[in-house]
Amino acid sequence: TDNVVWLTTGTTHIARAEEWPIMPTEWVHVLLKPWNFFDETPTLNLNTAK
């Protein structure tokens, strides 16, 4: 299967004279977190090195 991610963002800020010289900012955070990536925990099948 292919991993497909669609991310669409957009923001528009129209500056006003009252805001200068301190301009507001808008922060955007994105977290990509896999969900059901494996059928089971892959750490269960690790060989222990001796």
PDB file of N, CA and C in Angstrom:
ATOM      1  N   THR A   1       0.840  -1.195   0.000  1.00  0.00           N
ATOM      2  CA  THR A   1       0.000   0.000   0.000  1.00  0.00           C
ATOM      3  C   THR A   1       0.873   1.243   0.000  1.00  0.00           C
ATOM      4  N   ASP A   2       0.335   2.300  -0.479  1.00  0.00           N
ATOM      5  CA  ASP A   2       1.030   3.580  -0.521  1.00  0.00           C
ATOM      6  C   ASP A   2       0.568   4.453   0.633  1.00  0.00           C
ATOM      7  N   ASN A   3       1.500   5.208   1.165  1.00  0.00           N
ATOM      8  CA  ASN A   3       1.160   6.204   2.179  1.00  0.00           C
ATOM      9  C   ASN A   3       0.801   7.504   1.476  1.00  0.00           C
ATOM     10  N   VAL A   4      -0.364   8.008   1.764  1.00  0.00           N
ATOM     11  CA  VAL A   4      -0.841   9.231   1.121  1.00  0.00           C
ATOM     12  C   VAL A   4      -1.177  10.246   2.199  1.00  0.00           C
ATOM     13  N   VAL A   5      -0.660  11.452   2.044  1.00  0.00           N
ATOM     14  CA  VAL A   5      -0.938  12.532   2.988  1.00  0.00           C
ATOM     15  C   VAL A   5      -1.395  13.741   2.194  1.00  0.00           C
ATOM     16  N   TRP A   6      -2.532  14.287   2.580  1.00  0.00           N
ATOM     17  CA  TRP A   6      -3.043  15.510   1.972  1.00  0.00           C
ATOM     18  C   TRP A   6      -3.045  16.589   3.044  1.00  0.00           C
ATOM     19  N   LEU A   7      -2.332  17.650   2.802  1.00  0.00           N
ATOM     20  CA  LEU A   7      -2.263  18.756   3.748  1.00  0.00           C
ATOM     21  C   LEU A   7      -2.556  20.044   2.990  1.00  0.00           C
ATOM     22  N   THR A   8      -3.583  20.733   3.407  1.00  0.00           N
ATOM     23  CA  THR A   8      -3.952  21.991   2.778  1.00  0.00           C
ATOM     24  C   THR A   8      -4.056  23.049   3.860  1.00  0.00           C
ATOM     25  N   THR A   9      -3.280  24.097   3.721  1.00  0.00           N
ATOM     26  CA  THR A   9      -3.331  25.188   4.691  1.00  0.00           C
ATOM     27  C   THR A   9      -3.384  26.507   3.940  1.00  0.00           C
ATOM     28  N   GLY A  10      -3.858  27.489   4.612  1.00  0.00           N
ATOM     29  CA  GLY A  10      -3.876  28.807   4.012  1.00  0.00           C
ATOM     30  C   GLY A  10      -4.327  29.844   5.018  1.00  0.00           C
ATOM     31  N   THR A  11      -3.730  30.989   4.952  1.00  0.00           N
ATOM     32  CA  THR A  11      -4.128  32.092   5.811  1.00  0.00           C
ATOM     33  C   THR A  11      -3.862  33.394   5.068  1.00  0.00           C
ATOM     34  N   THR A  12      -4.708  34.338   5.270  1.00  0.00           N
ATOM     35  CA  THR A  12      -4.551  35.647   4.648  1.00  0.00           C
ATOM     36  C   THR A  12      -4.661  36.706   5.725  1.00  0.00           C
ATOM     37  N   HIS A  13      -3.676  37.566   5.785  1.00  0.00           N
ATOM     38  CA  HIS A  13      -3.699  38.657   6.751  1.00  0.00           C
ATOM     39  C   HIS A  13      -3.560  39.967   5.990  1.00  0.00           C
ATOM     40  N   ILE A  14      -4.540  40.804   6.121  1.00  0.00           N
ATOM     41  CA  ILE A  14      -4.492  42.123   5.494  1.00  0.00           C
ATOM     42  C   ILE A  14      -4.019  43.104   6.554  1.00  0.00           C
ATOM     43  N   ALA A  15      -2.842  43.660   6.330  1.00  0.00           N
ATOM     44  CA  ALA A  15      -2.232  44.555   7.321  1.00  0.00           C
ATOM     45  C   ALA A  15      -2.980  45.877   7.394  1.00  0.00           C
ATOM     46  N   ARG A  16      -3.050  46.411   8.633  1.00  0.00           N
ATOM     47  CA  ARG A  16      -3.673  47.717   8.859  1.00  0.00           C
ATOM     48  C   ARG A  16      -2.617  48.678   9.374  1.00  0.00           C
ATOM     49  N   ALA A  17      -2.821  49.955   9.199  1.00  0.00           N
ATOM     50  CA  ALA A  17      -1.851  50.952   9.645  1.00  0.00           C
ATOM     51  C   ALA A  17      -1.704  50.941  11.161  1.00  0.00           C
ATOM     52  N   GLU A  18      -2.764  50.564  11.894  1.00  0.00           N
ATOM     53  CA  GLU A  18      -2.706  50.545  13.353  1.00  0.00           C
ATOM     54  C   GLU A  18      -1.782  49.455  13.885  1.00  0.00           C
ATOM     55  N   GLU A  19      -1.485  48.464  13.089  1.00  0.00           N
ATOM     56  CA  GLU A  19      -0.677  47.337  13.550  1.00  0.00           C
ATOM     57  C   GLU A  19       0.822  47.600  13.457  1.00  0.00           C
ATOM     58  N   TRP A  20       1.235  48.572  12.690  1.00  0.00           N
ATOM     59  CA  TRP A  20       2.654  48.830  12.491  1.00  0.00           C
ATOM     60  C   TRP A  20       3.223  49.567  13.686  1.00  0.00           C
ATOM     61  N   PRO A  21       4.387  49.304  14.203  1.00  0.00           N
ATOM     62  CA  PRO A  21       5.440  48.382  13.776  1.00  0.00           C
ATOM     63  C   PRO A  21       5.316  46.984  14.391  1.00  0.00           C
ATOM     64  N   ILE A  22       4.324  46.753  15.240  1.00  0.00           N
ATOM     65  CA  ILE A  22       4.154  45.436  15.854  1.00  0.00           C
ATOM     66  C   ILE A  22       3.111  44.675  15.042  1.00  0.00           C
ATOM     67  N   MET A  23       3.587  43.720  14.273  1.00  0.00           N
ATOM     68  CA  MET A  23       2.689  42.971  13.404  1.00  0.00           C
ATOM     69  C   MET A  23       2.284  41.662  14.077  1.00  0.00           C
ATOM     70  N   PRO A  24       0.994  41.322  14.054  1.00  0.00           N
ATOM     71  CA  PRO A  24       0.564  40.058  14.644  1.00  0.00           C
ATOM     72  C   PRO A  24       1.022  38.870  13.789  1.00  0.00           C
ATOM     73  N   THR A  25       1.176  37.753  14.437  1.00  0.00           N
ATOM     74  CA  THR A  25       1.552  36.541  13.717  1.00  0.00           C
ATOM     75  C   THR A  25       0.545  35.441  14.012  1.00  0.00           C
ATOM     76  N   GLU A  26       0.454  34.508  13.112  1.00  0.00           N
ATOM     77  CA  GLU A  26      -0.378  33.328  13.312  1.00  0.00           C
ATOM     78  C   GLU A  26       0.524  32.112  13.161  1.00  0.00           C
ATOM     79  N   TRP A  27       0.568  31.291  14.206  1.00  0.00           N
ATOM     80  CA  TRP A  27       1.413  30.103  14.198  1.00  0.00           C
ATOM     81  C   TRP A  27       0.605  28.910  13.709  1.00  0.00           C
ATOM     82  N   VAL A  28       1.252  28.087  12.900  1.00  0.00           N
ATOM     83  CA  VAL A  28       0.629  26.872  12.391  1.00  0.00           C
ATOM     84  C   VAL A  28       1.541  25.703  12.755  1.00  0.00           C
ATOM     85  N   HIS A  29       0.973  24.694  13.397  1.00  0.00           N
ATOM     86  CA  HIS A  29       1.733  23.503  13.764  1.00  0.00           C
ATOM     87  C   HIS A  29       1.085  22.294  13.101  1.00  0.00           C
ATOM     88  N   VAL A  30       1.929  21.406  12.611  1.00  0.00           N
ATOM     89  CA  VAL A  30       1.442  20.192  11.969  1.00  0.00           C
ATOM     90  C   VAL A  30       2.124  19.003  12.629  1.00  0.00           C
ATOM     91  N   LEU A  31       1.344  18.001  12.989  1.00  0.00           N
ATOM     92  CA  LEU A  31       1.871  16.772  13.568  1.00  0.00           C
ATOM     93  C   LEU A  31       1.392  15.605  12.714  1.00  0.00           C
ATOM     94  N   LEU A  32       2.343  14.885  12.149  1.00  0.00           N
ATOM     95  CA  LEU A  32       2.009  13.690  11.376  1.00  0.00           C
ATOM     96  C   LEU A  32       2.257  12.488  12.277  1.00  0.00           C
ATOM     97  N   LYS A  33       1.195  11.785  12.608  1.00  0.00           N
ATOM     98  CA  LYS A  33       1.291  10.667  13.535  1.00  0.00           C
ATOM     99  C   LYS A  33       0.691   9.433  12.863  1.00  0.00           C
ATOM    100  N   PRO A  34       1.505   8.378  12.669  1.00  0.00           N
ATOM    101  CA  PRO A  34       0.969   7.190  12.004  1.00  0.00           C
ATOM    102  C   PRO A  34      -0.086   6.493  12.856  1.00  0.00           C
ATOM    103  N   TRP A  35      -1.055   5.907  12.208  1.00  0.00           N
ATOM    104  CA  TRP A  35      -2.137   5.199  12.887  1.00  0.00           C
ATOM    105  C   TRP A  35      -2.298   3.849  12.198  1.00  0.00           C
ATOM    106  N   ASN A  36      -2.120   2.772  12.956  1.00  0.00           N
ATOM    107  CA  ASN A  36      -2.179   1.406  12.419  1.00  0.00           C
ATOM    108  C   ASN A  36      -1.189   1.201  11.278  1.00  0.00           C
ATOM    109  N   PHE A  37       0.016   1.693  11.462  1.00  0.00           N
ATOM    110  CA  PHE A  37       1.055   1.565  10.441  1.00  0.00           C
ATOM    111  C   PHE A  37       1.500   0.110  10.308  1.00  0.00           C
ATOM    112  N   PHE A  38       1.615  -0.596  11.446  1.00  0.00           N
ATOM    113  CA  PHE A  38       1.961  -2.016  11.459  1.00  0.00           C
ATOM    114  C   PHE A  38       0.752  -2.816  11.919  1.00  0.00           C
ATOM    115  N   ASP A  39       0.713  -4.086  11.525  1.00  0.00           N
ATOM    116  CA  ASP A  39      -0.357  -4.969  11.989  1.00  0.00           C
ATOM    117  C   ASP A  39      -0.199  -5.322  13.462  1.00  0.00           C
ATOM    118  N   GLU A  40       1.054  -5.382  13.925  1.00  0.00           N
ATOM    119  CA  GLU A  40       1.346  -5.658  15.331  1.00  0.00           C
ATOM    120  C   GLU A  40       2.642  -4.950  15.694  1.00  0.00           C
ATOM    121  N   THR A  41       2.996  -4.980  16.949  1.00  0.00           N
ATOM    122  CA  THR A  41       4.205  -4.303  17.407  1.00  0.00           C
ATOM    123  C   THR A  41       5.444  -4.998  16.835  1.00  0.00           C
ATOM    124  N   PRO A  42       6.282  -4.297  16.060  1.00  0.00           N
ATOM    125  CA  PRO A  42       7.451  -4.940  15.455  1.00  0.00           C
ATOM    126  C   PRO A  42       8.534  -5.290  16.472  1.00  0.00           C
ATOM    127  N   THR A  43       8.497  -4.730  17.669  1.00  0.00           N
ATOM    128  CA  THR A  43       9.531  -5.021  18.664  1.00  0.00           C
ATOM    129  C   THR A  43       9.365  -6.396  19.290  1.00  0.00           C
ATOM    130  N   LEU A  44       8.245  -7.062  19.086  1.00  0.00           N
ATOM    131  CA  LEU A  44       8.046  -8.388  19.666  1.00  0.00           C
ATOM    132  C   LEU A  44       8.900  -9.446  18.980  1.00  0.00           C
ATOM    133  N   ASN A  45       9.305  -9.219  17.751  1.00  0.00           N
ATOM    134  CA  ASN A  45      10.058 -10.213  16.990  1.00  0.00           C
ATOM    135  C   ASN A  45      11.549  -9.908  16.920  1.00  0.00           C
ATOM    136  N   LEU A  46      12.069  -9.072  17.809  1.00  0.00           N
ATOM    137  CA  LEU A  46      13.491  -8.755  17.799  1.00  0.00           C
ATOM    138  C   LEU A  46      14.285  -9.909  18.394  1.00  0.00           C
ATOM    139  N   ASN A  47      15.409 -10.225  17.763  1.00  0.00           N
ATOM    140  CA  ASN A  47      16.308 -11.240  18.314  1.00  0.00           C
ATOM    141  C   ASN A  47      17.192 -10.588  19.365  1.00  0.00           C
ATOM    142  N   THR A  48      17.375 -11.242  20.478  1.00  0.00           N
ATOM    143  CA  THR A  48      18.239 -10.693  21.525  1.00  0.00           C
ATOM    144  C   THR A  48      19.673 -11.086  21.226  1.00  0.00           C
ATOM    145  N   ALA A  49      20.564 -10.106  21.207  1.00  0.00           N
ATOM    146  CA  ALA A  49      21.986 -10.357  20.952  1.00  0.00           C
ATOM    147  C   ALA A  49      22.644 -10.864  22.227  1.00  0.00           C
ATOM    148  N   LYS A  50      23.448 -11.932  22.074  1.00  0.00           N
ATOM    149  CA  LYS A  50      24.138 -12.506  23.238  1.00  0.00           C
ATOM    150  C   LYS A  50      25.625 -12.408  23.080  1.00  0.00           C
TER     151      LYS A  50
END
